[in-house]
Amino acid sequence: MKKEINYKIYKVFIKNYRVYTSGKLPLSQMNMGGMGPKMINQIMKKHNVDDLDTLIKNAIDMGVKVVACSMSMDLMGIKAEEFIDGVDLGRVASYLGATEDAGLNLFV
């Protein structure tokens, strides 16, 4: 019971904790009173760069593996069904094993 209450309180304070679509995610922390996302979207459009949803979908379609840390999910009360399609779940050990021989990887 207490655990569920903690998750609910945590989610109140975490803006955009659900990852249904990137439309709910900020492009950066440089919000600048709401001008930041509008400016970067305008620049992306001007330079014929796809929107974030399309970039993520194309990356997954090309085989980029997007892995959410299940331990972090447990700590924050995030469920697998809250992620967009194509996101796998893993723990730190599986991540380290999978990327041991990789030429490039990104851990955020």
Foldseek 3Di string as FASTA:
>chain_A
DVLVVVLVVLVVPDQLPFAADCVRPAPDPPCVVVVVSVVVVVVCVVVVHDDPRVVVVVCLVVPNAAEDEVVVCSVNVNDPVRHYPRYHYDHPVVVCVVCVPPPDDDDD
